[in-house]
Amino acid sequence: MTDDKPGTGDRLAALFTLLNRVGAVLNGLNGIVESRAAQVAAFEMRAVRRAAGVFALALAAALLACAAAGFAAFAILAALWDTHRVLGAACIAGVLVLLAGIAALLARGITQPG
């Protein structure tokens, strides 16, 4: 097959050069997208690690607070055991219910949007 149009080879060469440049640009954009995706992934990993650390410390604080409340309740009961054991137990229960209500209200305020 022969082309009878002059300059067909030059046009094909120009087209291939253009396609090569477009491919190079797309390859450069691919590198930019991959780099940005790696940055986002690293940022998210740091955020997850930070959240896990905060959760672990909050859990430890909650367990220690429960232990402290238990020891305080035991100390109050031990001090009031001979004379007012029912009153001491009722006061401890009331304080714990009050603290649980405050914690529930705070949790509700944190979790509600707005």
PDB file of N, CA and C in Angstrom:
ATOM      1  N   MET A   1       0.832  -1.170   0.000  1.00  0.00           N
ATOM      2  CA  MET A   1       0.000   0.000   0.000  1.00  0.00           C
ATOM      3  C   MET A   1       0.879   1.237   0.000  1.00  0.00           C
ATOM      4  N   THR A   2       0.621   2.112  -0.856  1.00  0.00           N
ATOM      5  CA  THR A   2       1.429   3.323  -0.950  1.00  0.00           C
ATOM      6  C   THR A   2       0.543   4.524  -0.698  1.00  0.00           C
ATOM      7  N   ASP A   3       1.124   5.474  -0.014  1.00  0.00           N
ATOM      8  CA  ASP A   3       0.399   6.722   0.234  1.00  0.00           C
ATOM      9  C   ASP A   3       0.741   7.703  -0.861  1.00  0.00           C
ATOM     10  N   ASP A   4      -0.263   8.232  -1.495  1.00  0.00           N
ATOM     11  CA  ASP A   4       0.008   9.192  -2.541  1.00  0.00           C
ATOM     12  C   ASP A   4      -0.060  10.630  -2.035  1.00  0.00           C
ATOM     13  N   LYS A   5      -0.289  10.797  -0.701  1.00  0.00           N
ATOM     14  CA  LYS A   5      -0.341  12.152  -0.145  1.00  0.00           C
ATOM     15  C   LYS A   5       1.048  12.506   0.379  1.00  0.00           C
ATOM     16  N   PRO A   6       1.516  13.667   0.020  1.00  0.00           N
ATOM     17  CA  PRO A   6       2.829  14.053   0.535  1.00  0.00           C
ATOM     18  C   PRO A   6       2.734  14.486   1.995  1.00  0.00           C
ATOM     19  N   GLY A   7       3.748  14.177   2.800  1.00  0.00           N
ATOM     20  CA  GLY A   7       3.827  14.605   4.195  1.00  0.00           C
ATOM     21  C   GLY A   7       3.099  13.717   5.163  1.00  0.00           C
ATOM     22  N   THR A   8       2.636  12.540   4.752  1.00  0.00           N
ATOM     23  CA  THR A   8       1.931  11.629   5.652  1.00  0.00           C
ATOM     24  C   THR A   8       2.868  11.116   6.733  1.00  0.00           C
ATOM     25  N   GLY A   9       4.099  10.830   6.351  1.00  0.00           N
ATOM     26  CA  GLY A   9       5.093  10.375   7.330  1.00  0.00           C
ATOM     27  C   GLY A   9       5.387  11.450   8.367  1.00  0.00           C
ATOM     28  N   ASP A  10       5.441  12.703   7.932  1.00  0.00           N
ATOM     29  CA  ASP A  10       5.689  13.808   8.875  1.00  0.00           C
ATOM     30  C   ASP A  10       4.518  13.969   9.837  1.00  0.00           C
ATOM     31  N   ARG A  11       3.325  13.788   9.319  1.00  0.00           N
ATOM     32  CA  ARG A  11       2.142  13.898  10.184  1.00  0.00           C
ATOM     33  C   ARG A  11       2.114  12.777  11.219  1.00  0.00           C
ATOM     34  N   LEU A  12       2.433  11.559  10.786  1.00  0.00           N
ATOM     35  CA  LEU A  12       2.484  10.438  11.739  1.00  0.00           C
ATOM     36  C   LEU A  12       3.567  10.645  12.783  1.00  0.00           C
ATOM     37  N   ALA A  13       4.708  11.163  12.362  1.00  0.00           N
ATOM     38  CA  ALA A  13       5.794  11.434  13.313  1.00  0.00           C
ATOM     39  C   ALA A  13       5.349  12.495  14.321  1.00  0.00           C
ATOM     40  N   ALA A  14       4.661  13.536  13.848  1.00  0.00           N
ATOM     41  CA  ALA A  14       4.169  14.582  14.749  1.00  0.00           C
ATOM     42  C   ALA A  14       3.120  14.021  15.712  1.00  0.00           C
ATOM     43  N   LEU A  15       2.251  13.134  15.198  1.00  0.00           N
ATOM     44  CA  LEU A  15       1.231  12.522  16.042  1.00  0.00           C
ATOM     45  C   LEU A  15       1.872  11.652  17.118  1.00  0.00           C
ATOM     46  N   PHE A  16       2.859  10.859  16.737  1.00  0.00           N
ATOM     47  CA  PHE A  16       3.540  10.008  17.718  1.00  0.00           C
ATOM     48  C   PHE A  16       4.314  10.840  18.745  1.00  0.00           C
ATOM     49  N   THR A  17       4.893  11.943  18.298  1.00  0.00           N
ATOM     50  CA  THR A  17       5.580  12.840  19.239  1.00  0.00           C
ATOM     51  C   THR A  17       4.582  13.435  20.224  1.00  0.00           C
ATOM     52  N   LEU A  18       3.430  13.842  19.708  1.00  0.00           N
ATOM     53  CA  LEU A  18       2.385  14.394  20.576  1.00  0.00           C
ATOM     54  C   LEU A  18       1.900  13.347  21.576  1.00  0.00           C
ATOM     55  N   LEU A  19       1.642  12.136  21.113  1.00  0.00           N
ATOM     56  CA  LEU A  19       1.206  11.069  22.013  1.00  0.00           C
ATOM     57  C   LEU A  19       2.276  10.742  23.054  1.00  0.00           C
ATOM     58  N   ASN A  20       3.530  10.815  22.668  1.00  0.00           N
ATOM     59  CA  ASN A  20       4.622  10.576  23.615  1.00  0.00           C
ATOM     60  C   ASN A  20       4.643  11.652  24.693  1.00  0.00           C
ATOM     61  N   ARG A  21       4.442  12.894  24.310  1.00  0.00           N
ATOM     62  CA  ARG A  21       4.418  13.992  25.290  1.00  0.00           C
ATOM     63  C   ARG A  21       3.208  13.874  26.223  1.00  0.00           C
ATOM     64  N   VAL A  22       2.053  13.507  25.669  1.00  0.00           N
ATOM     65  CA  VAL A  22       0.851  13.307  26.497  1.00  0.00           C
ATOM     66  C   VAL A  22       1.099  12.184  27.499  1.00  0.00           C
ATOM     67  N   GLY A  23       1.728  11.104  27.053  1.00  0.00           N
ATOM     68  CA  GLY A  23       2.060  10.008  27.957  1.00  0.00           C
ATOM     69  C   GLY A  23       3.007  10.443  29.054  1.00  0.00           C
ATOM     70  N   ALA A  24       3.985  11.287  28.706  1.00  0.00           N
ATOM     71  CA  ALA A  24       4.925  11.782  29.716  1.00  0.00           C
ATOM     72  C   ALA A  24       4.209  12.654  30.746  1.00  0.00           C
ATOM     73  N   VAL A  25       3.275  13.491  30.271  1.00  0.00           N
ATOM     74  CA  VAL A  25       2.508  14.345  31.198  1.00  0.00           C
ATOM     75  C   VAL A  25       1.643  13.480  32.119  1.00  0.00           C
ATOM     76  N   LEU A  26       0.985  12.489  31.540  1.00  0.00           N
ATOM     77  CA  LEU A  26       0.153  11.607  32.360  1.00  0.00           C
ATOM     78  C   LEU A  26       0.994  10.818  33.360  1.00  0.00           C
ATOM     79  N   ASN A  27       2.178  10.416  32.946  1.00  0.00           N
ATOM     80  CA  ASN A  27       3.073   9.715  33.864  1.00  0.00           C
ATOM     81  C   ASN A  27       3.493  10.637  35.012  1.00  0.00           C
ATOM     82  N   GLY A  28       3.759  11.897  34.705  1.00  0.00           N
ATOM     83  CA  GLY A  28       4.090  12.869  35.748  1.00  0.00           C
ATOM     84  C   GLY A  28       2.928  13.091  36.696  1.00  0.00           C
ATOM     85  N   LEU A  29       1.718  13.184  36.157  1.00  0.00           N
ATOM     86  CA  LEU A  29       0.530  13.331  37.010  1.00  0.00           C
ATOM     87  C   LEU A  29       0.328  12.103  37.887  1.00  0.00           C
ATOM     88  N   ASN A  30       0.610  10.932  37.342  1.00  0.00           N
ATOM     89  CA  ASN A  30       0.505   9.702  38.124  1.00  0.00           C
ATOM     90  C   ASN A  30       1.470   9.746  39.309  1.00  0.00           C
ATOM     91  N   GLY A  31       2.673  10.238  39.081  1.00  0.00           N
ATOM     92  CA  GLY A  31       3.638  10.361  40.172  1.00  0.00           C
ATOM     93  C   GLY A  31       3.164  11.338  41.238  1.00  0.00           C
ATOM     94  N   ILE A  32       2.556  12.432  40.806  1.00  0.00           N
ATOM     95  CA  ILE A  32       2.032  13.423  41.761  1.00  0.00           C
ATOM     96  C   ILE A  32       0.902  12.815  42.578  1.00  0.00           C
ATOM     97  N   VAL A  33      -0.006  12.105  41.919  1.00  0.00           N
ATOM     98  CA  VAL A  33      -1.142  11.488  42.616  1.00  0.00           C
ATOM     99  C   VAL A  33      -0.649  10.433  43.605  1.00  0.00           C
ATOM    100  N   GLU A  34       0.313   9.616  43.180  1.00  0.00           N
ATOM    101  CA  GLU A  34       0.856   8.600  44.089  1.00  0.00           C
ATOM    102  C   GLU A  34       1.539   9.242  45.291  1.00  0.00           C
ATOM    103  N   SER A  35       2.279  10.330  45.057  1.00  0.00           N
ATOM    104  CA  SER A  35       2.962  11.020  46.149  1.00  0.00           C
ATOM    105  C   SER A  35       1.948  11.601  47.136  1.00  0.00           C
ATOM    106  N   ARG A  36       0.905  12.208  46.602  1.00  0.00           N
ATOM    107  CA  ARG A  36      -0.133  12.799  47.469  1.00  0.00           C
ATOM    108  C   ARG A  36      -0.870  11.713  48.243  1.00  0.00           C
ATOM    109  N   ALA A  37      -1.148  10.595  47.594  1.00  0.00           N
ATOM    110  CA  ALA A  37      -1.828   9.488  48.276  1.00  0.00           C
ATOM    111  C   ALA A  37      -0.950   8.947  49.406  1.00  0.00           C
ATOM    112  N   ALA A  38       0.351   8.885  49.190  1.00  0.00           N
ATOM    113  CA  ALA A  38       1.258   8.421  50.246  1.00  0.00           C
ATOM    114  C   ALA A  38       1.274   9.403  51.416  1.00  0.00           C
ATOM    115  N   GLN A  39       1.229  10.702  51.120  1.00  0.00           N
ATOM    116  CA  GLN A  39       1.184  11.701  52.186  1.00  0.00           C
ATOM    117  C   GLN A  39      -0.098  11.588  53.006  1.00  0.00           C
ATOM    118  N   VAL A  40      -1.221  11.411  52.325  1.00  0.00           N
ATOM    119  CA  VAL A  40      -2.508  11.270  53.021  1.00  0.00           C
ATOM    120  C   VAL A  40      -2.513  10.005  53.868  1.00  0.00           C
ATOM    121  N   ALA A  41      -1.983   8.912  53.332  1.00  0.00           N
ATOM    122  CA  ALA A  41      -1.939   7.665  54.088  1.00  0.00           C
ATOM    123  C   ALA A  41      -1.068   7.810  55.327  1.00  0.00           C
ATOM    124  N   ALA A  42       0.066   8.495  55.210  1.00  0.00           N
ATOM    125  CA  ALA A  42       0.944   8.706  56.370  1.00  0.00           C
ATOM    126  C   ALA A  42       0.254   9.572  57.415  1.00  0.00           C
ATOM    127  N   PHE A  43      -0.453  10.605  56.955  1.00  0.00           N
ATOM    128  CA  PHE A  43      -1.170  11.467  57.896  1.00  0.00           C
ATOM    129  C   PHE A  43      -2.253  10.696  58.626  1.00  0.00           C
ATOM    130  N   GLU A  44      -3.013   9.885  57.881  1.00  0.00           N
ATOM    131  CA  GLU A  44      -4.086   9.097  58.496  1.00  0.00           C
ATOM    132  C   GLU A  44      -3.511   8.084  59.481  1.00  0.00           C
ATOM    133  N   MET A  45      -2.365   7.482  59.161  1.00  0.00           N
ATOM    134  CA  MET A  45      -1.746   6.521  60.069  1.00  0.00           C
ATOM    135  C   MET A  45      -1.332   7.211  61.368  1.00  0.00           C
ATOM    136  N   ARG A  46      -0.785   8.425  61.257  1.00  0.00           N
ATOM    137  CA  ARG A  46      -0.426   9.163  62.473  1.00  0.00           C
ATOM    138  C   ARG A  46      -1.673   9.492  63.288  1.00  0.00           C
ATOM    139  N   ALA A  47      -2.759   9.849  62.611  1.00  0.00           N
ATOM    140  CA  ALA A  47      -4.002  10.168  63.323  1.00  0.00           C
ATOM    141  C   ALA A  47      -4.556   8.931  64.026  1.00  0.00           C
ATOM    142  N   VAL A  48      -4.476   7.778  63.378  1.00  0.00           N
ATOM    143  CA  VAL A  48      -4.960   6.540  63.996  1.00  0.00           C
ATOM    144  C   VAL A  48      -4.100   6.182  65.198  1.00  0.00           C
ATOM    145  N   ARG A  49      -2.782   6.318  65.064  1.00  0.00           N
ATOM    146  CA  ARG A  49      -1.899   6.027  66.200  1.00  0.00           C
ATOM    147  C   ARG A  49      -2.165   6.973  67.368  1.00  0.00           C
ATOM    148  N   ARG A  50      -2.376   8.243  67.061  1.00  0.00           N
ATOM    149  CA  ARG A  50      -2.656   9.221  68.117  1.00  0.00           C
ATOM    150  C   ARG A  50      -3.978   8.895  68.812  1.00  0.00           C
ATOM    151  N   ALA A  51      -4.994   8.540  68.033  1.00  0.00           N
ATOM    152  CA  ALA A  51      -6.291   8.184  68.614  1.00  0.00           C
ATOM    153  C   ALA A  51      -6.181   6.922  69.464  1.00  0.00           C
ATOM    154  N   ALA A  52      -5.393   5.951  69.021  1.00  0.00           N
ATOM    155  CA  ALA A  52      -5.208   4.732  69.810  1.00  0.00           C
ATOM    156  C   ALA A  52      -4.497   5.048  71.119  1.00  0.00           C
ATOM    157  N   GLY A  53      -3.522   5.944  71.079  1.00  0.00           N
ATOM    158  CA  GLY A  53      -2.837   6.352  72.304  1.00  0.00           C
ATOM    159  C   GLY A  53      -3.763   7.063  73.273  1.00  0.00           C
ATOM    160  N   VAL A  54      -4.586   7.952  72.741  1.00  0.00           N
ATOM    161  CA  VAL A  54      -5.542   8.667  73.592  1.00  0.00           C
ATOM    162  C   VAL A  54      -6.538   7.690  74.201  1.00  0.00           C
ATOM    163  N   PHE A  55      -7.014   6.725  73.399  1.00  0.00           N
ATOM    164  CA  PHE A  55      -7.952   5.728  73.906  1.00  0.00           C
ATOM    165  C   PHE A  55      -7.324   4.890  75.014  1.00  0.00           C
ATOM    166  N   ALA A  56      -6.077   4.477  74.831  1.00  0.00           N
ATOM    167  CA  ALA A  56      -5.403   3.669  75.845  1.00  0.00           C
ATOM    168  C   ALA A  56      -5.229   4.456  77.149  1.00  0.00           C
ATOM    169  N   LEU A  57      -4.846   5.714  77.043  1.00  0.00           N
ATOM    170  CA  LEU A  57      -4.684   6.535  78.247  1.00  0.00           C
ATOM    171  C   LEU A  57      -6.030   6.809  78.924  1.00  0.00           C
ATOM    172  N   ALA A  58      -7.077   7.023  78.144  1.00  0.00           N
ATOM    173  CA  ALA A  58      -8.398   7.244  78.724  1.00  0.00           C
ATOM    174  C   ALA A  58      -8.899   5.988  79.429  1.00  0.00           C
ATOM    175  N   LEU A  59      -8.635   4.830  78.842  1.00  0.00           N
ATOM    176  CA  LEU A  59      -9.026   3.572  79.468  1.00  0.00           C
ATOM    177  C   LEU A  59      -8.281   3.364  80.786  1.00  0.00           C
ATOM    178  N   ALA A  60      -6.987   3.654  80.798  1.00  0.00           N
ATOM    179  CA  ALA A  60      -6.200   3.526  82.029  1.00  0.00           C
ATOM    180  C   ALA A  60      -6.719   4.504  83.093  1.00  0.00           C
ATOM    181  N   ALA A  61      -7.022   5.726  82.686  1.00  0.00           N
ATOM    182  CA  ALA A  61      -7.541   6.709  83.636  1.00  0.00           C
ATOM    183  C   ALA A  61      -8.881   6.269  84.202  1.00  0.00           C
ATOM    184  N   ALA A  62      -9.745   5.699  83.358  1.00  0.00           N
ATOM    185  CA  ALA A  62     -11.049   5.238  83.830  1.00  0.00           C
ATOM    186  C   ALA A  62     -10.895   4.082  84.816  1.00  0.00           C
ATOM    187  N   LEU A  63     -10.002   3.153  84.517  1.00  0.00           N
ATOM    188  CA  LEU A  63      -9.790   2.033  85.441  1.00  0.00           C
ATOM    189  C   LEU A  63      -9.222   2.506  86.778  1.00  0.00           C
ATOM    190  N   LEU A  64      -8.283   3.431  86.734  1.00  0.00           N
ATOM    191  CA  LEU A  64      -7.714   3.954  87.981  1.00  0.00           C
ATOM    192  C   LEU A  64      -8.742   4.764  88.769  1.00  0.00           C
ATOM    193  N   ALA A  65      -9.597   5.494  88.071  1.00  0.00           N
ATOM    194  CA  ALA A  65     -10.653   6.239  88.760  1.00  0.00           C
ATOM    195  C   ALA A  65     -11.638   5.292  89.430  1.00  0.00           C
ATOM    196  N   CYS A  66     -11.970   4.184  88.764  1.00  0.00           N
ATOM    197  CA  CYS A  66     -12.861   3.188  89.377  1.00  0.00           C
ATOM    198  C   CYS A  66     -12.214   2.562  90.611  1.00  0.00           C
ATOM    199  N   ALA A  67     -10.935   2.284  90.524  1.00  0.00           N
ATOM    200  CA  ALA A  67     -10.232   1.724  91.675  1.00  0.00           C
ATOM    201  C   ALA A  67     -10.215   2.721  92.830  1.00  0.00           C
ATOM    202  N   ALA A  68      -9.982   3.995  92.523  1.00  0.00           N
ATOM    203  CA  ALA A  68      -9.976   5.017  93.569  1.00  0.00           C
ATOM    204  C   ALA A  68     -11.355   5.155  94.206  1.00  0.00           C
ATOM    205  N   ALA A  69     -12.412   5.107  93.402  1.00  0.00           N
ATOM    206  CA  ALA A  69     -13.770   5.190  93.955  1.00  0.00           C
ATOM    207  C   ALA A  69     -14.064   3.983  94.828  1.00  0.00           C
ATOM    208  N   GLY A  70     -13.597   2.822  94.428  1.00  0.00           N
ATOM    209  CA  GLY A  70     -13.791   1.620  95.242  1.00  0.00           C
ATOM    210  C   GLY A  70     -13.072   1.710  96.580  1.00  0.00           C
ATOM    211  N   PHE A  71     -11.834   2.173  96.544  1.00  0.00           N
ATOM    212  CA  PHE A  71     -11.093   2.316  97.805  1.00  0.00           C
ATOM    213  C   PHE A  71     -11.714   3.389  98.702  1.00  0.00           C
ATOM    214  N   ALA A  72     -12.204   4.469  98.095  1.00  0.00           N
ATOM    215  CA  ALA A  72     -12.866   5.499  98.897  1.00  0.00           C
ATOM    216  C   ALA A  72     -14.146   4.955  99.523  1.00  0.00           C
ATOM    217  N   ALA A  73     -14.915   4.201  98.745  1.00  0.00           N
ATOM    218  CA  ALA A  73     -16.135   3.604  99.289  1.00  0.00           C
ATOM    219  C   ALA A  73     -15.817   2.628 100.411  1.00  0.00           C
ATOM    220  N   PHE A  74     -14.769   1.831 100.251  1.00  0.00           N
ATOM    221  CA  PHE A  74     -14.371   0.899 101.304  1.00  0.00           C
ATOM    222  C   PHE A  74     -13.938   1.642 102.563  1.00  0.00           C
ATOM    223  N   ALA A  75     -13.216   2.742 102.388  1.00  0.00           N
ATOM    224  CA  ALA A  75     -12.771   3.515 103.549  1.00  0.00           C
ATOM    225  C   ALA A  75     -13.958   4.123 104.294  1.00  0.00           C
ATOM    226  N   ILE A  76     -14.941   4.624 103.566  1.00  0.00           N
ATOM    227  CA  ILE A  76     -16.129   5.198 104.205  1.00  0.00           C
ATOM    228  C   ILE A  76     -16.911   4.116 104.938  1.00  0.00           C
ATOM    229  N   LEU A  77     -17.079   2.969 104.300  1.00  0.00           N
ATOM    230  CA  LEU A  77     -17.797   1.876 104.960  1.00  0.00           C
ATOM    231  C   LEU A  77     -17.052   1.376 106.188  1.00  0.00           C
ATOM    232  N   ALA A  78     -15.741   1.306 106.102  1.00  0.00           N
ATOM    233  CA  ALA A  78     -14.956   0.846 107.254  1.00  0.00           C
ATOM    234  C   ALA A  78     -15.078   1.836 108.412  1.00  0.00           C
ATOM    235  N   ALA A  79     -15.098   3.126 108.106  1.00  0.00           N
ATOM    236  CA  ALA A  79     -15.199   4.136 109.158  1.00  0.00           C
ATOM    237  C   ALA A  79     -16.587   4.158 109.790  1.00  0.00           C
ATOM    238  N   LEU A  80     -17.636   3.910 109.014  1.00  0.00           N
ATOM    239  CA  LEU A  80     -19.006   3.997 109.523  1.00  0.00           C
ATOM    240  C   LEU A  80     -19.603   2.630 109.862  1.00  0.00           C
ATOM    241  N   TRP A  81     -18.830   1.574 109.818  1.00  0.00           N
ATOM    242  CA  TRP A  81     -19.379   0.222 109.948  1.00  0.00           C
ATOM    243  C   TRP A  81     -20.058  -0.018 111.295  1.00  0.00           C
ATOM    244  N   ASP A  82     -19.487   0.445 112.366  1.00  0.00           N
ATOM    245  CA  ASP A  82     -20.028   0.143 113.688  1.00  0.00           C
ATOM    246  C   ASP A  82     -21.319   0.897 113.994  1.00  0.00           C
ATOM    247  N   THR A  83     -21.436   2.120 113.511  1.00  0.00           N
ATOM    248  CA  THR A  83     -22.585   2.924 113.932  1.00  0.00           C
ATOM    249  C   THR A  83     -23.620   3.154 112.822  1.00  0.00           C
ATOM    250  N   HIS A  84     -23.187   3.505 111.628  1.00  0.00           N
ATOM    251  CA  HIS A  84     -24.123   3.905 110.573  1.00  0.00           C
ATOM    252  C   HIS A  84     -23.799   3.202 109.254  1.00  0.00           C
ATOM    253  N   ARG A  85     -23.792   1.895 109.252  1.00  0.00           N
ATOM    254  CA  ARG A  85     -23.390   1.178 108.034  1.00  0.00           C
ATOM    255  C   ARG A  85     -24.381   1.362 106.892  1.00  0.00           C
ATOM    256  N   VAL A  86     -25.675   1.388 107.161  1.00  0.00           N
ATOM    257  CA  VAL A  86     -26.665   1.558 106.088  1.00  0.00           C
ATOM    258  C   VAL A  86     -26.595   2.972 105.514  1.00  0.00           C
ATOM    259  N   LEU A  87     -26.429   3.963 106.380  1.00  0.00           N
ATOM    260  CA  LEU A  87     -26.300   5.343 105.921  1.00  0.00           C
ATOM    261  C   LEU A  87     -25.050   5.511 105.053  1.00  0.00           C
ATOM    262  N   GLY A  88     -23.950   4.907 105.464  1.00  0.00           N
ATOM    263  CA  GLY A  88     -22.708   4.983 104.673  1.00  0.00           C
ATOM    264  C   GLY A  88     -22.874   4.343 103.303  1.00  0.00           C
ATOM    265  N   ALA A  89     -23.503   3.160 103.277  1.00  0.00           N
ATOM    266  CA  ALA A  89     -23.717   2.485 102.000  1.00  0.00           C
ATOM    267  C   ALA A  89     -24.655   3.298 101.098  1.00  0.00           C
ATOM    268  N   ALA A  90     -25.694   3.901 101.681  1.00  0.00           N
ATOM    269  CA  ALA A  90     -26.627   4.717 100.898  1.00  0.00           C
ATOM    270  C   ALA A  90     -25.935   5.965 100.348  1.00  0.00           C
ATOM    271  N   CYS A  91     -25.083   6.588 101.145  1.00  0.00           N
ATOM    272  CA  CYS A  91     -24.355   7.776 100.673  1.00  0.00           C
ATOM    273  C   CYS A  91     -23.404   7.420  99.540  1.00  0.00           C
ATOM    274  N   ILE A  92     -22.719   6.296  99.661  1.00  0.00           N
ATOM    275  CA  ILE A  92     -21.805   5.861  98.599  1.00  0.00           C
ATOM    276  C   ILE A  92     -22.593   5.580  97.317  1.00  0.00           C
ATOM    277  N   ALA A  93     -23.702   4.885  97.439  1.00  0.00           N
ATOM    278  CA  ALA A  93     -24.520   4.591  96.262  1.00  0.00           C
ATOM    279  C   ALA A  93     -25.040   5.879  95.622  1.00  0.00           C
ATOM    280  N   GLY A  94     -25.472   6.826  96.432  1.00  0.00           N
ATOM    281  CA  GLY A  94     -25.960   8.104  95.903  1.00  0.00           C
ATOM    282  C   GLY A  94     -24.884   8.869  95.159  1.00  0.00           C
ATOM    283  N   VAL A  95     -23.691   8.903  95.707  1.00  0.00           N
ATOM    284  CA  VAL A  95     -22.590   9.611  95.044  1.00  0.00           C
ATOM    285  C   VAL A  95     -22.245   8.922  93.719  1.00  0.00           C
ATOM    286  N   LEU A  96     -22.216   7.591  93.715  1.00  0.00           N
ATOM    287  CA  LEU A  96     -21.898   6.881  92.481  1.00  0.00           C
ATOM    288  C   LEU A  96     -22.981   7.081  91.424  1.00  0.00           C
ATOM    289  N   VAL A  97     -24.235   7.111  91.820  1.00  0.00           N
ATOM    290  CA  VAL A  97     -25.318   7.383  90.869  1.00  0.00           C
ATOM    291  C   VAL A  97     -25.206   8.806  90.327  1.00  0.00           C
ATOM    292  N   LEU A  98     -24.874   9.760  91.192  1.00  0.00           N
ATOM    293  CA  LEU A  98     -24.691  11.139  90.761  1.00  0.00           C
ATOM    294  C   LEU A  98     -23.544  11.248  89.752  1.00  0.00           C
ATOM    295  N   LEU A  99     -22.418  10.596  90.029  1.00  0.00           N
ATOM    296  CA  LEU A  99     -21.287  10.618  89.107  1.00  0.00           C
ATOM    297  C   LEU A  99     -21.628   9.937  87.775  1.00  0.00           C
ATOM    298  N   ALA A 100     -22.387   8.841  87.833  1.00  0.00           N
ATOM    299  CA  ALA A 100     -22.798   8.164  86.598  1.00  0.00           C
ATOM    300  C   ALA A 100     -23.721   9.058  85.772  1.00  0.00           C
ATOM    301  N   GLY A 101     -24.616   9.782  86.412  1.00  0.00           N
ATOM    302  CA  GLY A 101     -25.497  10.711  85.700  1.00  0.00           C
ATOM    303  C   GLY A 101     -24.733  11.840  85.048  1.00  0.00           C
ATOM    304  N   ILE A 102     -23.756  12.384  85.761  1.00  0.00           N
ATOM    305  CA  ILE A 102     -22.928  13.453  85.188  1.00  0.00           C
ATOM    306  C   ILE A 102     -22.154  12.930  83.982  1.00  0.00           C
ATOM    307  N   ALA A 103     -21.592  11.726  84.111  1.00  0.00           N
ATOM    308  CA  ALA A 103     -20.848  11.137  82.993  1.00  0.00           C
ATOM    309  C   ALA A 103     -21.758  10.893  81.793  1.00  0.00           C
ATOM    310  N   ALA A 104     -22.974  10.446  82.034  1.00  0.00           N
ATOM    311  CA  ALA A 104     -23.919  10.211  80.933  1.00  0.00           C
ATOM    312  C   ALA A 104     -24.287  11.522  80.243  1.00  0.00           C
ATOM    313  N   LEU A 105     -24.497  12.572  81.013  1.00  0.00           N
ATOM    314  CA  LEU A 105     -24.812  13.866  80.402  1.00  0.00           C
ATOM    315  C   LEU A 105     -23.635  14.411  79.598  1.00  0.00           C
ATOM    316  N   LEU A 106     -22.422  14.259  80.120  1.00  0.00           N
ATOM    317  CA  LEU A 106     -21.250  14.694  79.373  1.00  0.00           C
ATOM    318  C   LEU A 106     -21.074  13.897  78.082  1.00  0.00           C
ATOM    319  N   ALA A 107     -21.290  12.586  78.151  1.00  0.00           N
ATOM    320  CA  ALA A 107     -21.170  11.748  76.951  1.00  0.00           C
ATOM    321  C   ALA A 107     -22.224  12.127  75.925  1.00  0.00           C
ATOM    322  N   ARG A 108     -23.419  12.419  76.378  1.00  0.00           N
ATOM    323  CA  ARG A 108     -24.487  12.829  75.468  1.00  0.00           C
ATOM    324  C   ARG A 108     -24.161  14.160  74.803  1.00  0.00           C
ATOM    325  N   GLY A 109     -23.582  15.088  75.580  1.00  0.00           N
ATOM    326  CA  GLY A 109     -23.212  16.376  75.023  1.00  0.00           C
ATOM    327  C   GLY A 109     -22.077  16.271  74.015  1.00  0.00           C
ATOM    328  N   ILE A 110     -21.172  15.323  74.213  1.00  0.00           N
ATOM    329  CA  ILE A 110     -20.064  15.144  73.287  1.00  0.00           C
ATOM    330  C   ILE A 110     -20.530  14.487  71.997  1.00  0.00           C
ATOM    331  N   THR A 111     -21.426  13.518  72.108  1.00  0.00           N
ATOM    332  CA  THR A 111     -21.809  12.754  70.936  1.00  0.00           C
ATOM    333  C   THR A 111     -22.874  13.414  70.077  1.00  0.00           C
ATOM    334  N   GLN A 112     -23.599  14.391  70.595  1.00  0.00           N
ATOM    335  CA  GLN A 112     -24.635  15.039  69.791  1.00  0.00           C
ATOM    336  C   GLN A 112     -23.999  16.038  68.841  1.00  0.00           C
ATOM    337  N   PRO A 113     -24.435  16.048  67.589  1.00  0.00           N
ATOM    338  CA  PRO A 113     -23.871  17.011  66.635  1.00  0.00           C
ATOM    339  C   PRO A 113     -24.388  18.422  66.920  1.00  0.00           C
ATOM    340  N   GLY A 114     -23.561  19.362  66.552  1.00  0.00           N
ATOM    341  CA  GLY A 114     -24.001  20.740  66.691  1.00  0.00           C
ATOM    342  C   GLY A 114     -23.416  21.379  67.812  1.00  0.00           C
TER     343      GLY A 114
END
